[in-house]
Full PDB file with SEQRES, HELIX, SHEET, SSBOND, CRYST1, ORIGX, SCALE, CONECT and MASTER records, all heavy atoms in Angstrom:
SEQRES   1 A   42  GLY GLY LEU VAL GLN ALA GLY GLY SER LEU ARG LEU SER          
SEQRES   2 A   42  CYS ALA ALA SER GLY ARG THR PHE SER THR TYR VAL MET          
SEQRES   3 A   42  GLY TRP PHE ARG GLN ALA SER GLY LYS GLU ARG GLU PHE          
SEQRES   4 A   42  VAL ALA THR                                                  
HELIX    1 AA1 PHE A   21  THR A   23  5                                   3    
SHEET    1 AA1 2 TRP A  28  ARG A  30  0                                        
SHEET    2 AA1 2 GLU A  38  ALA A  41 -1                                        
CRYST1    1.000    1.000    1.000  90.00  90.00  90.00 P 1           1          
ORIGX1      1.000000  0.000000  0.000000        0.00000                         
ORIGX2      0.000000  1.000000  0.000000        0.00000                         
ORIGX3      0.000000  0.000000  1.000000        0.00000                         
SCALE1      1.000000  0.000000  0.000000        0.00000                         
SCALE2      0.000000  1.000000  0.000000        0.00000                         
SCALE3      0.000000  0.000000  1.000000        0.00000                         
ATOM      1  N   GLY A   1     -35.135  72.833 -78.884  1.00  0.00           N  
ATOM      2  CA  GLY A   1     -34.888  73.187 -80.259  1.00  0.00           C  
ATOM      3  C   GLY A   1     -33.756  74.183 -80.381  1.00  0.00           C  
ATOM      4  O   GLY A   1     -33.287  74.755 -79.407  1.00  0.00           O  
ATOM      5  N   GLY A   2     -33.318  74.372 -81.602  1.00  0.00           N  
ATOM      6  CA  GLY A   2     -32.235  75.307 -81.849  1.00  0.00           C  
ATOM      7  C   GLY A   2     -31.589  75.068 -83.186  1.00  0.00           C  
ATOM      8  O   GLY A   2     -32.141  74.402 -84.058  1.00  0.00           O  
ATOM      9  N   LEU A   3     -30.408  75.627 -83.340  1.00  0.00           N  
ATOM     10  CA  LEU A   3     -29.645  75.507 -84.576  1.00  0.00           C  
ATOM     11  C   LEU A   3     -28.569  74.449 -84.413  1.00  0.00           C  
ATOM     12  O   LEU A   3     -27.820  74.459 -83.430  1.00  0.00           O  
ATOM     13  CB  LEU A   3     -29.010  76.851 -84.933  1.00  0.00           C  
ATOM     14  CG  LEU A   3     -28.095  76.877 -86.155  1.00  0.00           C  
ATOM     15  CD1 LEU A   3     -28.886  76.561 -87.423  1.00  0.00           C  
ATOM     16  CD2 LEU A   3     -27.415  78.230 -86.266  1.00  0.00           C  
ATOM     17  N   VAL A   4     -28.488  73.555 -85.380  1.00  0.00           N  
ATOM     18  CA  VAL A   4     -27.492  72.491 -85.348  1.00  0.00           C  
ATOM     19  C   VAL A   4     -27.003  72.237 -86.763  1.00  0.00           C  
ATOM     20  O   VAL A   4     -27.738  72.424 -87.731  1.00  0.00           O  
ATOM     21  CB  VAL A   4     -28.084  71.205 -84.721  1.00  0.00           C  
ATOM     22  CG1 VAL A   4     -29.221  70.662 -85.575  1.00  0.00           C  
ATOM     23  CG2 VAL A   4     -27.010  70.153 -84.505  1.00  0.00           C  
ATOM     24  N   GLN A   5     -25.762  71.823 -86.887  1.00  0.00           N  
ATOM     25  CA  GLN A   5     -25.212  71.495 -88.185  1.00  0.00           C  
ATOM     26  C   GLN A   5     -25.662  70.112 -88.626  1.00  0.00           C  
ATOM     27  O   GLN A   5     -25.968  69.248 -87.799  1.00  0.00           O  
ATOM     28  CB  GLN A   5     -23.683  71.553 -88.155  1.00  0.00           C  
ATOM     29  CG  GLN A   5     -23.116  72.943 -87.980  1.00  0.00           C  
ATOM     30  CD  GLN A   5     -21.606  72.963 -88.043  1.00  0.00           C  
ATOM     31  OE1 GLN A   5     -20.939  72.042 -87.582  1.00  0.00           O  
ATOM     32  NE2 GLN A   5     -21.059  74.023 -88.621  1.00  0.00           N  
ATOM     33  N   ALA A   6     -25.707  69.914 -89.926  1.00  0.00           N  
ATOM     34  CA  ALA A   6     -26.058  68.605 -90.460  1.00  0.00           C  
ATOM     35  C   ALA A   6     -25.146  67.535 -89.882  1.00  0.00           C  
ATOM     36  O   ALA A   6     -23.933  67.721 -89.784  1.00  0.00           O  
ATOM     37  CB  ALA A   6     -25.972  68.620 -91.982  1.00  0.00           C  
ATOM     38  N   GLY A   7     -25.748  66.422 -89.496  1.00  0.00           N  
ATOM     39  CA  GLY A   7     -25.008  65.341 -88.880  1.00  0.00           C  
ATOM     40  C   GLY A   7     -24.967  65.408 -87.371  1.00  0.00           C  
ATOM     41  O   GLY A   7     -24.563  64.439 -86.718  1.00  0.00           O  
ATOM     42  N   GLY A   8     -25.395  66.515 -86.823  1.00  0.00           N  
ATOM     43  CA  GLY A   8     -25.404  66.688 -85.387  1.00  0.00           C  
ATOM     44  C   GLY A   8     -26.636  66.100 -84.745  1.00  0.00           C  
ATOM     45  O   GLY A   8     -27.463  65.464 -85.386  1.00  0.00           O  
ATOM     46  N   SER A   9     -26.762  66.346 -83.450  1.00  0.00           N  
ATOM     47  CA  SER A   9     -27.847  65.765 -82.673  1.00  0.00           C  
ATOM     48  C   SER A   9     -28.506  66.804 -81.780  1.00  0.00           C  
ATOM     49  O   SER A   9     -27.882  67.774 -81.365  1.00  0.00           O  
ATOM     50  CB  SER A   9     -27.325  64.620 -81.800  1.00  0.00           C  
ATOM     51  OG  SER A   9     -26.763  63.579 -82.574  1.00  0.00           O  
ATOM     52  N   LEU A  10     -29.759  66.569 -81.498  1.00  0.00           N  
ATOM     53  CA  LEU A  10     -30.523  67.361 -80.549  1.00  0.00           C  
ATOM     54  C   LEU A  10     -31.450  66.437 -79.783  1.00  0.00           C  
ATOM     55  O   LEU A  10     -31.869  65.399 -80.300  1.00  0.00           O  
ATOM     56  CB  LEU A  10     -31.363  68.432 -81.245  1.00  0.00           C  
ATOM     57  CG  LEU A  10     -30.683  69.686 -81.772  1.00  0.00           C  
ATOM     58  CD1 LEU A  10     -31.699  70.524 -82.542  1.00  0.00           C  
ATOM     59  CD2 LEU A  10     -30.081  70.493 -80.635  1.00  0.00           C  
ATOM     60  N   ARG A  11     -31.778  66.817 -78.576  1.00  0.00           N  
ATOM     61  CA  ARG A  11     -32.803  66.126 -77.830  1.00  0.00           C  
ATOM     62  C   ARG A  11     -33.899  67.109 -77.458  1.00  0.00           C  
ATOM     63  O   ARG A  11     -33.648  68.083 -76.741  1.00  0.00           O  
ATOM     64  CB  ARG A  11     -32.264  65.459 -76.562  1.00  0.00           C  
ATOM     65  CG  ARG A  11     -33.315  64.561 -75.903  1.00  0.00           C  
ATOM     66  CD  ARG A  11     -32.804  63.825 -74.685  1.00  0.00           C  
ATOM     67  NE  ARG A  11     -32.715  64.684 -73.521  1.00  0.00           N  
ATOM     68  CZ  ARG A  11     -32.662  64.237 -72.266  1.00  0.00           C  
ATOM     69  NH1 ARG A  11     -32.686  62.922 -72.034  1.00  0.00           N  
ATOM     70  NH2 ARG A  11     -32.563  65.088 -71.264  1.00  0.00           N  
ATOM     71  N   LEU A  12     -35.081  66.845 -77.950  1.00  0.00           N  
ATOM     72  CA  LEU A  12     -36.234  67.655 -77.624  1.00  0.00           C  
ATOM     73  C   LEU A  12     -36.948  67.070 -76.417  1.00  0.00           C  
ATOM     74  O   LEU A  12     -37.020  65.854 -76.249  1.00  0.00           O  
ATOM     75  CB  LEU A  12     -37.212  67.727 -78.798  1.00  0.00           C  
ATOM     76  CG  LEU A  12     -36.650  68.222 -80.138  1.00  0.00           C  
ATOM     77  CD1 LEU A  12     -37.781  68.312 -81.160  1.00  0.00           C  
ATOM     78  CD2 LEU A  12     -35.953  69.559 -79.970  1.00  0.00           C  
ATOM     79  N   SER A  13     -37.483  67.941 -75.598  1.00  0.00           N  
ATOM     80  CA  SER A  13     -38.244  67.526 -74.437  1.00  0.00           C  
ATOM     81  C   SER A  13     -39.640  68.109 -74.498  1.00  0.00           C  
ATOM     82  O   SER A  13     -39.851  69.193 -75.030  1.00  0.00           O  
ATOM     83  CB  SER A  13     -37.560  67.980 -73.144  1.00  0.00           C  
ATOM     84  OG  SER A  13     -36.280  67.411 -73.008  1.00  0.00           O  
ATOM     85  N   CYS A  14     -40.574  67.388 -73.944  1.00  0.00           N  
ATOM     86  CA  CYS A  14     -41.952  67.849 -73.856  1.00  0.00           C  
ATOM     87  C   CYS A  14     -42.442  67.567 -72.453  1.00  0.00           C  
ATOM     88  O   CYS A  14     -42.601  66.403 -72.068  1.00  0.00           O  
ATOM     89  CB  CYS A  14     -42.828  67.148 -74.894  1.00  0.00           C  
ATOM     90  SG  CYS A  14     -44.587  67.549 -74.783  1.00  0.00           S  
ATOM     91  N   ALA A  15     -42.666  68.614 -71.691  1.00  0.00           N  
ATOM     92  CA  ALA A  15     -43.129  68.487 -70.320  1.00  0.00           C  
ATOM     93  C   ALA A  15     -44.629  68.699 -70.261  1.00  0.00           C  
ATOM     94  O   ALA A  15     -45.150  69.671 -70.803  1.00  0.00           O  
ATOM     95  CB  ALA A  15     -42.415  69.490 -69.421  1.00  0.00           C  
ATOM     96  N   ALA A  16     -45.317  67.798 -69.588  1.00  0.00           N  
ATOM     97  CA  ALA A  16     -46.769  67.844 -69.494  1.00  0.00           C  
ATOM     98  C   ALA A  16     -47.210  68.162 -68.078  1.00  0.00           C  
ATOM     99  O   ALA A  16     -46.606  67.711 -67.105  1.00  0.00           O  
ATOM    100  CB  ALA A  16     -47.375  66.516 -69.936  1.00  0.00           C  
ATOM    101  N   SER A  17     -48.256  68.935 -67.979  1.00  0.00           N  
ATOM    102  CA  SER A  17     -48.843  69.229 -66.679  1.00  0.00           C  
ATOM    103  C   SER A  17     -49.776  68.102 -66.259  1.00  0.00           C  
ATOM    104  O   SER A  17     -50.181  67.269 -67.071  1.00  0.00           O  
ATOM    105  CB  SER A  17     -49.608  70.553 -66.730  1.00  0.00           C  
ATOM    106  OG  SER A  17     -50.708  70.468 -67.622  1.00  0.00           O  
ATOM    107  N   GLY A  18     -50.122  68.077 -64.981  1.00  0.00           N  
ATOM    108  CA  GLY A  18     -51.053  67.086 -64.489  1.00  0.00           C  
ATOM    109  C   GLY A  18     -50.390  65.837 -63.945  1.00  0.00           C  
ATOM    110  O   GLY A  18     -49.173  65.657 -64.061  1.00  0.00           O  
ATOM    111  N   ARG A  19     -51.217  64.963 -63.400  1.00  0.00           N  
ATOM    112  CA  ARG A  19     -50.727  63.736 -62.773  1.00  0.00           C  
ATOM    113  C   ARG A  19     -51.072  62.478 -63.551  1.00  0.00           C  
ATOM    114  O   ARG A  19     -50.797  61.378 -63.084  1.00  0.00           O  
ATOM    115  CB  ARG A  19     -51.309  63.623 -61.364  1.00  0.00           C  
ATOM    116  CG  ARG A  19     -50.981  64.793 -60.455  1.00  0.00           C  
ATOM    117  CD  ARG A  19     -51.646  64.648 -59.101  1.00  0.00           C  
ATOM    118  NE  ARG A  19     -51.361  65.772 -58.233  1.00  0.00           N  
ATOM    119  CZ  ARG A  19     -51.859  65.926 -57.013  1.00  0.00           C  
ATOM    120  NH1 ARG A  19     -52.683  64.999 -56.526  1.00  0.00           N  
ATOM    121  NH2 ARG A  19     -51.541  66.986 -56.300  1.00  0.00           N  
ATOM    122  N   THR A  20     -51.665  62.632 -64.709  1.00  0.00           N  
ATOM    123  CA  THR A  20     -52.115  61.491 -65.493  1.00  0.00           C  
ATOM    124  C   THR A  20     -51.307  61.303 -66.768  1.00  0.00           C  
ATOM    125  O   THR A  20     -51.797  60.741 -67.736  1.00  0.00           O  
ATOM    126  CB  THR A  20     -53.604  61.632 -65.847  1.00  0.00           C  
ATOM    127  OG1 THR A  20     -53.820  62.850 -66.571  1.00  0.00           O  
ATOM    128  CG2 THR A  20     -54.450  61.633 -64.592  1.00  0.00           C  
ATOM    129  N   PHE A  21     -50.074  61.747 -66.768  1.00  0.00           N  
ATOM    130  CA  PHE A  21     -49.238  61.670 -67.951  1.00  0.00           C  
ATOM    131  C   PHE A  21     -49.120  60.246 -68.477  1.00  0.00           C  
ATOM    132  O   PHE A  21     -49.109  60.025 -69.690  1.00  0.00           O  
ATOM    133  CB  PHE A  21     -47.851  62.232 -67.648  1.00  0.00           C  
ATOM    134  CG  PHE A  21     -46.886  62.151 -68.791  1.00  0.00           C  
ATOM    135  CD1 PHE A  21     -46.992  63.004 -69.871  1.00  0.00           C  
ATOM    136  CD2 PHE A  21     -45.857  61.214 -68.792  1.00  0.00           C  
ATOM    137  CE1 PHE A  21     -46.103  62.938 -70.930  1.00  0.00           C  
ATOM    138  CE2 PHE A  21     -44.962  61.138 -69.839  1.00  0.00           C  
ATOM    139  CZ  PHE A  21     -45.084  62.001 -70.906  1.00  0.00           C  
ATOM    140  N   SER A  22     -49.031  59.277 -67.586  1.00  0.00           N  
ATOM    141  CA  SER A  22     -48.837  57.897 -67.997  1.00  0.00           C  
ATOM    142  C   SER A  22     -50.033  57.314 -68.737  1.00  0.00           C  
ATOM    143  O   SER A  22     -49.921  56.244 -69.334  1.00  0.00           O  
ATOM    144  CB  SER A  22     -48.505  57.013 -66.785  1.00  0.00           C  
ATOM    145  OG  SER A  22     -49.579  56.993 -65.866  1.00  0.00           O  
ATOM    146  N   THR A  23     -51.163  57.988 -68.727  1.00  0.00           N  
ATOM    147  CA  THR A  23     -52.347  57.508 -69.432  1.00  0.00           C  
ATOM    148  C   THR A  23     -52.396  57.992 -70.872  1.00  0.00           C  
ATOM    149  O   THR A  23     -53.270  57.569 -71.626  1.00  0.00           O  
ATOM    150  CB  THR A  23     -53.633  57.940 -68.723  1.00  0.00           C  
ATOM    151  OG1 THR A  23     -53.812  59.361 -68.848  1.00  0.00           O  
ATOM    152  CG2 THR A  23     -53.588  57.571 -67.244  1.00  0.00           C  
ATOM    153  N   TYR A  24     -51.494  58.867 -71.263  1.00  0.00           N  
ATOM    154  CA  TYR A  24     -51.535  59.461 -72.582  1.00  0.00           C  
ATOM    155  C   TYR A  24     -50.549  58.806 -73.534  1.00  0.00           C  
ATOM    156  O   TYR A  24     -49.387  58.586 -73.193  1.00  0.00           O  
ATOM    157  CB  TYR A  24     -51.207  60.956 -72.520  1.00  0.00           C  
ATOM    158  CG  TYR A  24     -52.133  61.769 -71.656  1.00  0.00           C  
ATOM    159  CD1 TYR A  24     -51.629  62.615 -70.683  1.00  0.00           C  
ATOM    160  CD2 TYR A  24     -53.510  61.691 -71.819  1.00  0.00           C  
ATOM    161  CE1 TYR A  24     -52.470  63.371 -69.890  1.00  0.00           C  
ATOM    162  CE2 TYR A  24     -54.362  62.440 -71.025  1.00  0.00           C  
ATOM    163  CZ  TYR A  24     -53.834  63.279 -70.068  1.00  0.00           C  
ATOM    164  OH  TYR A  24     -54.679  64.031 -69.281  1.00  0.00           O  
ATOM    165  N   VAL A  25     -51.026  58.514 -74.716  1.00  0.00           N  
ATOM    166  CA  VAL A  25     -50.128  58.239 -75.824  1.00  0.00           C  
ATOM    167  C   VAL A  25     -49.517  59.572 -76.240  1.00  0.00           C  
ATOM    168  O   VAL A  25     -50.216  60.577 -76.345  1.00  0.00           O  
ATOM    169  CB  VAL A  25     -50.886  57.601 -76.999  1.00  0.00           C  
ATOM    170  CG1 VAL A  25     -49.999  57.517 -78.240  1.00  0.00           C  
ATOM    171  CG2 VAL A  25     -51.396  56.218 -76.609  1.00  0.00           C  
ATOM    172  N   MET A  26     -48.226  59.588 -76.463  1.00  0.00           N  
ATOM    173  CA  MET A  26     -47.542  60.819 -76.825  1.00  0.00           C  
ATOM    174  C   MET A  26     -47.000  60.722 -78.246  1.00  0.00           C  
ATOM    175  O   MET A  26     -46.638  59.640 -78.721  1.00  0.00           O  
ATOM    176  CB  MET A  26     -46.393  61.115 -75.865  1.00  0.00           C  
ATOM    177  CG  MET A  26     -46.825  61.254 -74.418  1.00  0.00           C  
ATOM    178  SD  MET A  26     -47.969  62.648 -74.152  1.00  0.00           S  
ATOM    179  CE  MET A  26     -46.919  64.037 -74.615  1.00  0.00           C  
ATOM    180  N   GLY A  27     -46.943  61.862 -78.893  1.00  0.00           N  
ATOM    181  CA  GLY A  27     -46.441  61.887 -80.249  1.00  0.00           C  
ATOM    182  C   GLY A  27     -45.671  63.148 -80.555  1.00  0.00           C  
ATOM    183  O   GLY A  27     -45.808  64.165 -79.868  1.00  0.00           O  
ATOM    184  N   TRP A  28     -44.845  63.060 -81.571  1.00  0.00           N  
ATOM    185  CA  TRP A  28     -44.132  64.211 -82.107  1.00  0.00           C  
ATOM    186  C   TRP A  28     -44.518  64.403 -83.566  1.00  0.00           C  
ATOM    187  O   TRP A  28     -44.546  63.445 -84.346  1.00  0.00           O  
ATOM    188  CB  TRP A  28     -42.614  64.034 -82.009  1.00  0.00           C  
ATOM    189  CG  TRP A  28     -42.054  64.220 -80.640  1.00  0.00           C  
ATOM    190  CD1 TRP A  28     -41.713  63.258 -79.751  1.00  0.00           C  
ATOM    191  CD2 TRP A  28     -41.739  65.471 -80.012  1.00  0.00           C  
ATOM    192  NE1 TRP A  28     -41.217  63.806 -78.603  1.00  0.00           N  
ATOM    193  CE2 TRP A  28     -41.218  65.164 -78.733  1.00  0.00           C  
ATOM    194  CE3 TRP A  28     -41.843  66.803 -80.399  1.00  0.00           C  
ATOM    195  CZ2 TRP A  28     -40.804  66.156 -77.838  1.00  0.00           C  
ATOM    196  CZ3 TRP A  28     -41.441  67.783 -79.511  1.00  0.00           C  
ATOM    197  CH2 TRP A  28     -40.924  67.463 -78.249  1.00  0.00           C  
ATOM    198  N   PHE A  29     -44.817  65.632 -83.908  1.00  0.00           N  
ATOM    199  CA  PHE A  29     -45.112  66.025 -85.272  1.00  0.00           C  
ATOM    200  C   PHE A  29     -44.204  67.176 -85.647  1.00  0.00           C  
ATOM    201  O   PHE A  29     -43.583  67.801 -84.785  1.00  0.00           O  
ATOM    202  CB  PHE A  29     -46.580  66.440 -85.412  1.00  0.00           C  
ATOM    203  CG  PHE A  29     -47.558  65.312 -85.239  1.00  0.00           C  
ATOM    204  CD1 PHE A  29     -47.846  64.812 -83.981  1.00  0.00           C  
ATOM    205  CD2 PHE A  29     -48.185  64.745 -86.338  1.00  0.00           C  
ATOM    206  CE1 PHE A  29     -48.746  63.775 -83.811  1.00  0.00           C  
ATOM    207  CE2 PHE A  29     -49.091  63.705 -86.181  1.00  0.00           C  
ATOM    208  CZ  PHE A  29     -49.364  63.218 -84.927  1.00  0.00           C  
ATOM    209  N   ARG A  30     -44.129  67.462 -86.922  1.00  0.00           N  
ATOM    210  CA  ARG A  30     -43.331  68.601 -87.361  1.00  0.00           C  
ATOM    211  C   ARG A  30     -43.997  69.275 -88.551  1.00  0.00           C  
ATOM    212  O   ARG A  30     -44.752  68.658 -89.291  1.00  0.00           O  
ATOM    213  CB  ARG A  30     -41.906  68.185 -87.728  1.00  0.00           C  
ATOM    214  CG  ARG A  30     -41.790  67.299 -88.965  1.00  0.00           C  
ATOM    215  CD  ARG A  30     -40.354  66.858 -89.166  1.00  0.00           C  
ATOM    216  NE  ARG A  30     -40.205  65.978 -90.317  1.00  0.00           N  
ATOM    217  CZ  ARG A  30     -39.079  65.347 -90.635  1.00  0.00           C  
ATOM    218  NH1 ARG A  30     -37.992  65.497 -89.870  1.00  0.00           N  
ATOM    219  NH2 ARG A  30     -39.039  64.567 -91.705  1.00  0.00           N  
ATOM    220  N   GLN A  31     -43.681  70.538 -88.708  1.00  0.00           N  
ATOM    221  CA  GLN A  31     -44.215  71.300 -89.821  1.00  0.00           C  
ATOM    222  C   GLN A  31     -43.101  72.174 -90.386  1.00  0.00           C  
ATOM    223  O   GLN A  31     -42.633  73.099 -89.727  1.00  0.00           O  
ATOM    224  CB  GLN A  31     -45.398  72.165 -89.397  1.00  0.00           C  
ATOM    225  CG  GLN A  31     -46.062  72.888 -90.553  1.00  0.00           C  
ATOM    226  CD  GLN A  31     -47.376  73.530 -90.163  1.00  0.00           C  
ATOM    227  OE1 GLN A  31     -47.624  73.791 -88.988  1.00  0.00           O  
ATOM    228  NE2 GLN A  31     -48.223  73.779 -91.141  1.00  0.00           N  
ATOM    229  N   ALA A  32     -42.698  71.862 -91.590  1.00  0.00           N  
ATOM    230  CA  ALA A  32     -41.691  72.655 -92.278  1.00  0.00           C  
ATOM    231  C   ALA A  32     -42.352  73.844 -92.958  1.00  0.00           C  
ATOM    232  O   ALA A  32     -43.550  73.849 -93.215  1.00  0.00           O  
ATOM    233  CB  ALA A  32     -40.951  71.795 -93.300  1.00  0.00           C  
ATOM    234  N   SER A  33     -41.553  74.846 -93.260  1.00  0.00           N  
ATOM    235  CA  SER A  33     -42.068  76.040 -93.906  1.00  0.00           C  
ATOM    236  C   SER A  33     -42.730  75.695 -95.229  1.00  0.00           C  
ATOM    237  O   SER A  33     -42.133  75.037 -96.077  1.00  0.00           O  
ATOM    238  CB  SER A  33     -40.933  77.044 -94.133  1.00  0.00           C  
ATOM    239  OG  SER A  33     -41.401  78.210 -94.770  1.00  0.00           O  
ATOM    240  N   GLY A  34     -43.968  76.124 -95.383  1.00  0.00           N  
ATOM    241  CA  GLY A  34     -44.698  75.885 -96.605  1.00  0.00           C  
ATOM    242  C   GLY A  34     -45.275  74.497 -96.758  1.00  0.00           C  
ATOM    243  O   GLY A  34     -45.854  74.188 -97.799  1.00  0.00           O  
ATOM    244  N   LYS A  35     -45.142  73.657 -95.746  1.00  0.00           N  
ATOM    245  CA  LYS A  35     -45.653  72.300 -95.806  1.00  0.00           C  
ATOM    246  C   LYS A  35     -46.647  72.053 -94.682  1.00  0.00           C  
ATOM    247  O   LYS A  35     -46.703  72.788 -93.709  1.00  0.00           O  
ATOM    248  CB  LYS A  35     -44.519  71.285 -95.736  1.00  0.00           C  
ATOM    249  CG  LYS A  35     -43.525  71.373 -96.883  1.00  0.00           C  
ATOM    250  CD  LYS A  35     -42.459  70.300 -96.776  1.00  0.00           C  
ATOM    251  CE  LYS A  35     -41.486  70.370 -97.937  1.00  0.00           C  
ATOM    252  NZ  LYS A  35     -40.435  69.318 -97.836  1.00  0.00           N  
ATOM    253  N   GLU A  36     -47.413  70.991 -94.830  1.00  0.00           N  
ATOM    254  CA  GLU A  36     -48.382  70.649 -93.803  1.00  0.00           C  
ATOM    255  C   GLU A  36     -47.722  69.863 -92.682  1.00  0.00           C  
ATOM    256  O   GLU A  36     -46.645  69.284 -92.839  1.00  0.00           O  
ATOM    257  CB  GLU A  36     -49.542  69.853 -94.405  1.00  0.00           C  
ATOM    258  CG  GLU A  36     -49.139  68.530 -95.014  1.00  0.00           C  
ATOM    259  CD  GLU A  36     -50.298  67.833 -95.702  1.00  0.00           C  
ATOM    260  OE1 GLU A  36     -51.281  68.510 -96.036  1.00  0.00           O  
ATOM    261  OE2 GLU A  36     -50.222  66.603 -95.899  1.00  0.00           O  
ATOM    262  N   ARG A  37     -48.381  69.864 -91.549  1.00  0.00           N  
ATOM    263  CA  ARG A  37     -47.866  69.140 -90.401  1.00  0.00           C  
ATOM    264  C   ARG A  37     -47.855  67.641 -90.680  1.00  0.00           C  
ATOM    265  O   ARG A  37     -48.800  67.092 -91.250  1.00  0.00           O  
ATOM    266  CB  ARG A  37     -48.726  69.454 -89.175  1.00  0.00           C  
ATOM    267  CG  ARG A  37     -48.195  68.910 -87.872  1.00  0.00           C  
ATOM    268  CD  ARG A  37     -49.075  69.371 -86.714  1.00  0.00           C  
ATOM    269  NE  ARG A  37     -49.095  70.822 -86.603  1.00  0.00           N  
ATOM    270  CZ  ARG A  37     -49.817  71.487 -85.707  1.00  0.00           C  
ATOM    271  NH1 ARG A  37     -50.575  70.837 -84.839  1.00  0.00           N  
ATOM    272  NH2 ARG A  37     -49.782  72.810 -85.679  1.00  0.00           N  
ATOM    273  N   GLU A  38     -46.783  66.969 -90.288  1.00  0.00           N  
ATOM    274  CA  GLU A  38     -46.666  65.550 -90.536  1.00  0.00           C  
ATOM    275  C   GLU A  38     -46.238  64.800 -89.281  1.00  0.00           C  
ATOM    276  O   GLU A  38     -45.560  65.339 -88.409  1.00  0.00           O  
ATOM    277  CB  GLU A  38     -45.669  65.269 -91.667  1.00  0.00           C  
ATOM    278  CG  GLU A  38     -44.233  65.640 -91.347  1.00  0.00           C  
ATOM    279  CD  GLU A  38     -43.263  65.235 -92.438  1.00  0.00           C  
ATOM    280  OE1 GLU A  38     -43.662  64.489 -93.351  1.00  0.00           O  
ATOM    281  OE2 GLU A  38     -42.088  65.663 -92.379  1.00  0.00           O  
ATOM    282  N   PHE A  39     -46.612  63.553 -89.239  1.00  0.00           N  
ATOM    283  CA  PHE A  39     -46.247  62.679 -88.137  1.00  0.00           C  
ATOM    284  C   PHE A  39     -44.762  62.364 -88.170  1.00  0.00           C  
ATOM    285  O   PHE A  39     -44.181  62.170 -89.238  1.00  0.00           O  
ATOM    286  CB  PHE A  39     -47.056  61.382 -88.227  1.00  0.00           C  
ATOM    287  CG  PHE A  39     -46.506  60.261 -87.404  1.00  0.00           C  
ATOM    288  CD1 PHE A  39     -46.727  60.210 -86.036  1.00  0.00           C  
ATOM    289  CD2 PHE A  39     -45.774  59.247 -87.990  1.00  0.00           C  
ATOM    290  CE1 PHE A  39     -46.220  59.181 -85.267  1.00  0.00           C  
ATOM    291  CE2 PHE A  39     -45.266  58.206 -87.241  1.00  0.00           C  
ATOM    292  CZ  PHE A  39     -45.491  58.178 -85.871  1.00  0.00           C  
ATOM    293  N   VAL A  40     -44.158  62.291 -86.986  1.00  0.00           N  
ATOM    294  CA  VAL A  40     -42.753  61.928 -86.879  1.00  0.00           C  
ATOM    295  C   VAL A  40     -42.565  60.682 -86.022  1.00  0.00           C  
ATOM    296  O   VAL A  40     -41.903  59.729 -86.433  1.00  0.00           O  
ATOM    297  CB  VAL A  40     -41.915  63.081 -86.302  1.00  0.00           C  
ATOM    298  CG1 VAL A  40     -40.461  62.649 -86.151  1.00  0.00           C  
ATOM    299  CG2 VAL A  40     -42.017  64.305 -87.192  1.00  0.00           C  
ATOM    300  N   ALA A  41     -43.130  60.676 -84.824  1.00  0.00           N  
ATOM    301  CA  ALA A  41     -42.926  59.553 -83.917  1.00  0.00           C  
ATOM    302  C   ALA A  41     -44.027  59.518 -82.873  1.00  0.00           C  
ATOM    303  O   ALA A  41     -44.649  60.534 -82.568  1.00  0.00           O  
ATOM    304  CB  ALA A  41     -41.565  59.644 -83.227  1.00  0.00           C  
ATOM    305  N   THR A  42     -44.258  58.341 -82.318  1.00  0.00           N  
ATOM    306  CA  THR A  42     -45.242  58.178 -81.263  1.00  0.00           C  
ATOM    307  C   THR A  42     -44.771  57.105 -80.297  1.00  0.00           C  
ATOM    308  O   THR A  42     -43.965  56.234 -80.651  1.00  0.00           O  
ATOM    309  CB  THR A  42     -46.621  57.811 -81.834  1.00  0.00           C  
ATOM    310  OG1 THR A  42     -47.597  57.759 -80.786  1.00  0.00           O  
ATOM    311  CG2 THR A  42     -46.578  56.456 -82.539  1.00  0.00           C  
TER     312      THR A  42                                                      
MASTER        0    0    0    1    2    0    0    6  311    1    0    4          
END                                                                             
């Protein structure tokens, strides 16, 4: 994460502990200021 200008790009990473990572469905959610958490991708 970080600061980026509109139109730019970022790549977020999520590192998981353990040896069973391949058994998990993974998802990304986000929460904007003053708003509830929402689904983004899975």
